[in-house]
C-alpha atoms as a PDB file:
ATOM      1  CA  MET A   1      85.326 123.068  95.258  1.00  0.00           C
ATOM      2  CA  SER A   2      84.766 119.314  95.206  1.00  0.00           C
ATOM      3  CA  ASP A   3      84.779 117.162  98.251  1.00  0.00           C
ATOM      4  CA  VAL A   4      87.685 114.881  97.542  1.00  0.00           C
ATOM      5  CA  ALA A   5      87.317 112.712 100.636  1.00  0.00           C
ATOM      6  CA  ALA A   6      83.764 112.037  99.921  1.00  0.00           C
ATOM      7  CA  LEU A   7      84.515 111.206  96.438  1.00  0.00           C
ATOM      8  CA  GLU A   8      87.339 108.822  97.320  1.00  0.00           C
ATOM      9  CA  SER A   9      84.773 107.152  99.666  1.00  0.00           C
ATOM     10  CA  LEU A  10      82.346 106.754  96.822  1.00  0.00           C
ATOM     11  CA  LEU A  11      85.049 105.338  94.590  1.00  0.00           C
ATOM     12  CA  LYS A  12      85.862 102.710  97.313  1.00  0.00           C
ATOM     13  CA  GLU A  13      82.210 101.598  97.171  1.00  0.00           C
ATOM     14  CA  VAL A  14      82.452 101.322  93.337  1.00  0.00           C
ATOM     15  CA  LYS A  15      85.680  99.230  93.759  1.00  0.00           C
ATOM     16  CA  GLY A  16      83.804  97.074  96.259  1.00  0.00           C
ATOM     17  CA  LEU A  17      81.248  96.055  93.564  1.00  0.00           C
ATOM     18  CA  ASP A  18      81.603  92.527  92.432  1.00  0.00           C
ATOM     19  CA  GLY A  19      84.075  92.160  89.605  1.00  0.00           C
ATOM     20  CA  VAL A  20      85.494  95.817  89.764  1.00  0.00           C
ATOM     21  CA  ASN A  21      89.306  95.995  90.244  1.00  0.00           C
ATOM     22  CA  ASP A  22      89.827  99.549  89.896  1.00  0.00           C
ATOM     23  CA  ALA A  23      87.740 102.528  89.827  1.00  0.00           C
ATOM     24  CA  VAL A  24      88.766 106.093  89.062  1.00  0.00           C
ATOM     25  CA  LEU A  25      86.678 109.443  88.371  1.00  0.00           C
ATOM     26  CA  VAL A  26      88.094 111.589  85.616  1.00  0.00           C
ATOM     27  CA  SER A  27      87.172 115.095  84.633  1.00  0.00           C
ATOM     28  CA  ARG A  28      85.911 115.484  81.058  1.00  0.00           C
ATOM     29  CA  SER A  29      89.157 117.426  80.399  1.00  0.00           C
ATOM     30  CA  GLY A  30      91.293 114.496  81.378  1.00  0.00           C
ATOM     31  CA  MET A  31      92.247 115.299  85.013  1.00  0.00           C
ATOM     32  CA  HIS A  32      92.172 112.754  87.839  1.00  0.00           C
ATOM     33  CA  ILE A  33      89.396 113.479  90.345  1.00  0.00           C
ATOM     34  CA  ALA A  34      89.351 110.552  92.753  1.00  0.00           C
ATOM     35  CA  GLY A  35      89.987 106.836  92.916  1.00  0.00           C
ATOM     36  CA  SER A  36      92.738 104.506  91.931  1.00  0.00           C
ATOM     37  CA  VAL A  37      94.185 103.589  88.619  1.00  0.00           C
ATOM     38  CA  PRO A  38      95.661 100.023  87.956  1.00  0.00           C
ATOM     39  CA  GLU A  39      98.975  99.334  89.745  1.00  0.00           C
ATOM     40  CA  GLY A  40     102.028 100.157  87.727  1.00  0.00           C
ATOM     41  CA  VAL A  41     100.121 102.603  85.438  1.00  0.00           C
ATOM     42  CA  PHE A  42     101.098 106.168  85.021  1.00  0.00           C
ATOM     43  CA  GLN A  43      98.115 107.976  86.468  1.00  0.00           C
ATOM     44  CA  ASP A  44      98.110 111.294  84.333  1.00  0.00           C
ATOM     45  CA  THR A  45      98.386 109.472  81.121  1.00  0.00           C
ATOM     46  CA  PHE A  46      95.809 106.788  81.935  1.00  0.00           C
ATOM     47  CA  VAL A  47      93.204 109.299  82.897  1.00  0.00           C
ATOM     48  CA  ALA A  48      93.851 111.762  80.130  1.00  0.00           C
ATOM     49  CA  MET A  49      93.655 108.989  77.466  1.00  0.00           C
ATOM     50  CA  PHE A  50      90.294 107.807  78.621  1.00  0.00           C
ATOM     51  CA  ALA A  51      88.776 111.352  78.529  1.00  0.00           C
ATOM     52  CA  ILE A  52      90.194 111.634  74.914  1.00  0.00           C
ATOM     53  CA  LEU A  53      88.694 108.104  74.003  1.00  0.00           C
ATOM     54  CA  LEU A  54      85.366 109.194  75.183  1.00  0.00           C
ATOM     55  CA  GLY A  55      85.513 112.509  73.423  1.00  0.00           C
ATOM     56  CA  ALA A  56      86.581 110.829  70.204  1.00  0.00           C
ATOM     57  CA  ALA A  57      83.832 108.329  70.535  1.00  0.00           C
ATOM     58  CA  GLU A  58      81.357 111.284  70.932  1.00  0.00           C
ATOM     59  CA  THR A  59      82.676 113.040  67.924  1.00  0.00           C
ATOM     60  CA  ALA A  60      82.563 109.955  65.841  1.00  0.00           C
ATOM     61  CA  THR A  61      78.940 109.137  66.656  1.00  0.00           C
ATOM     62  CA  SER A  62      77.729 112.877  66.830  1.00  0.00           C
ATOM     63  CA  GLU A  63      75.846 112.336  63.654  1.00  0.00           C
ATOM     64  CA  LEU A  64      73.616 109.628  65.077  1.00  0.00           C
ATOM     65  CA  LYS A  65      71.998 112.137  67.303  1.00  0.00           C
ATOM     66  CA  ASP A  66      72.346 109.748  70.258  1.00  0.00           C
ATOM     67  CA  ARG A  67      74.188 110.091  73.572  1.00  0.00           C
ATOM     68  CA  ILE A  68      77.033 107.743  74.470  1.00  0.00           C
ATOM     69  CA  ASP A  69      76.373 105.836  77.641  1.00  0.00           C
ATOM     70  CA  THR A  70      79.294 103.471  77.855  1.00  0.00           C
ATOM     71  CA  VAL A  71      82.435 102.531  76.099  1.00  0.00           C
ATOM     72  CA  VAL A  72      83.700  99.005  76.804  1.00  0.00           C
ATOM     73  CA  LEU A  73      87.172  97.786  75.885  1.00  0.00           C
ATOM     74  CA  ASN A  74      87.695  94.014  75.908  1.00  0.00           C
ATOM     75  CA  LEU A  75      91.059  93.106  76.786  1.00  0.00           C
ATOM     76  CA  GLU A  76      92.640  89.762  76.910  1.00  0.00           C
ATOM     77  CA  GLN A  77      92.457  89.468  80.657  1.00  0.00           C
ATOM     78  CA  SER A  78      89.879  92.150  81.846  1.00  0.00           C
ATOM     79  CA  ARG A  79      87.689  94.970  80.631  1.00  0.00           C
ATOM     80  CA  ILE A  80      87.966  98.709  80.770  1.00  0.00           C
ATOM     81  CA  VAL A  81      84.518 100.281  81.138  1.00  0.00           C
ATOM     82  CA  VAL A  82      84.135 104.038  80.551  1.00  0.00           C
ATOM     83  CA  VAL A  83      80.867 105.438  81.738  1.00  0.00           C
ATOM     84  CA  ASN A  84      79.660 108.918  80.803  1.00  0.00           C
ATOM     85  CA  ASP A  85      78.516 110.634  84.098  1.00  0.00           C
ATOM     86  CA  GLY A  86      77.442 113.896  82.650  1.00  0.00           C
ATOM     87  CA  PRO A  87      79.053 117.262  81.786  1.00  0.00           C
ATOM     88  CA  LYS A  88      81.724 117.031  84.440  1.00  0.00           C
ATOM     89  CA  ALA A  89      83.080 113.608  84.876  1.00  0.00           C
ATOM     90  CA  ILE A  90      83.416 109.992  83.779  1.00  0.00           C
ATOM     91  CA  PHE A  91      84.001 106.758  85.500  1.00  0.00           C
ATOM     92  CA  VAL A  92      86.703 104.557  84.382  1.00  0.00           C
ATOM     93  CA  LEU A  93      86.574 101.037  85.683  1.00  0.00           C
ATOM     94  CA  ARG A  94      88.805  98.062  85.267  1.00  0.00           C
ATOM     95  CA  THR A  95      86.827  94.829  85.557  1.00  0.00           C
ATOM     96  CA  ARG A  96      86.912  91.050  85.232  1.00  0.00           C
ATOM     97  CA  LYS A  97      85.882  89.894  81.825  1.00  0.00           C
ATOM     98  CA  ASP A  98      82.817  88.061  83.236  1.00  0.00           C
ATOM     99  CA  VAL A  99      81.371  91.006  85.277  1.00  0.00           C
ATOM    100  CA  ASP A 100      77.701  91.685  84.915  1.00  0.00           C
ATOM    101  CA  LEU A 101      77.965  95.199  83.341  1.00  0.00           C
ATOM    102  CA  ALA A 102      74.187  95.834  83.760  1.00  0.00           C
ATOM    103  CA  SER A 103      74.498  95.357  87.485  1.00  0.00           C
ATOM    104  CA  VAL A 104      77.586  97.652  87.589  1.00  0.00           C
ATOM    105  CA  LYS A 105      76.025 100.259  85.644  1.00  0.00           C
ATOM    106  CA  ASN A 106      72.881 100.201  87.639  1.00  0.00           C
ATOM    107  CA  SER A 107      75.033 100.705  90.883  1.00  0.00           C
ATOM    108  CA  LEU A 108      76.925 103.488  89.079  1.00  0.00           C
ATOM    109  CA  GLU A 109      73.644 105.341  88.252  1.00  0.00           C
ATOM    110  CA  LYS A 110      72.652 105.379  91.802  1.00  0.00           C
ATOM    111  CA  MET A 111      76.004 106.955  92.761  1.00  0.00           C
ATOM    112  CA  SER A 112      76.014 109.306  89.912  1.00  0.00           C
ATOM    113  CA  ARG A 113      73.650 111.711  91.836  1.00  0.00           C
ATOM    114  CA  ARG A 114      76.119 111.838  94.612  1.00  0.00           C
ATOM    115  CA  VAL A 115      79.022 112.646  92.390  1.00  0.00           C
ATOM    116  CA  GLU A 116      77.289 115.518  90.818  1.00  0.00           C
ATOM    117  CA  GLU A 117      76.412 116.921  94.310  1.00  0.00           C
ATOM    118  CA  LEU A 118      80.143 116.565  95.334  1.00  0.00           C
ATOM    119  CA  LEU A 119      81.792 118.008  92.335  1.00  0.00           C
END
């Protein structure tokens, strides 16, 4: 059983990273695990669609024999960053357009080990 309180605390740390507005942890099957979706967004639809998006990207690129690390959606006013966090979960972040993605991903990699332990 996952430690939801610890995961929520970890997602607050992610949301505290420079340029990250929202951070949510989503199961590979599309269920909300922890964190917050953007205000005014229907949570169930939001998280399910990003799990589907990553799954579709993996299917589309499967012939390349390479693993997807990150999917980035560049919106007019922000970015959505979907980060593969292994077989159980994905991070979905809404960031500023000018965020340093390498820095954010580096921080997420450090937190990823903790996520695996908590799931």
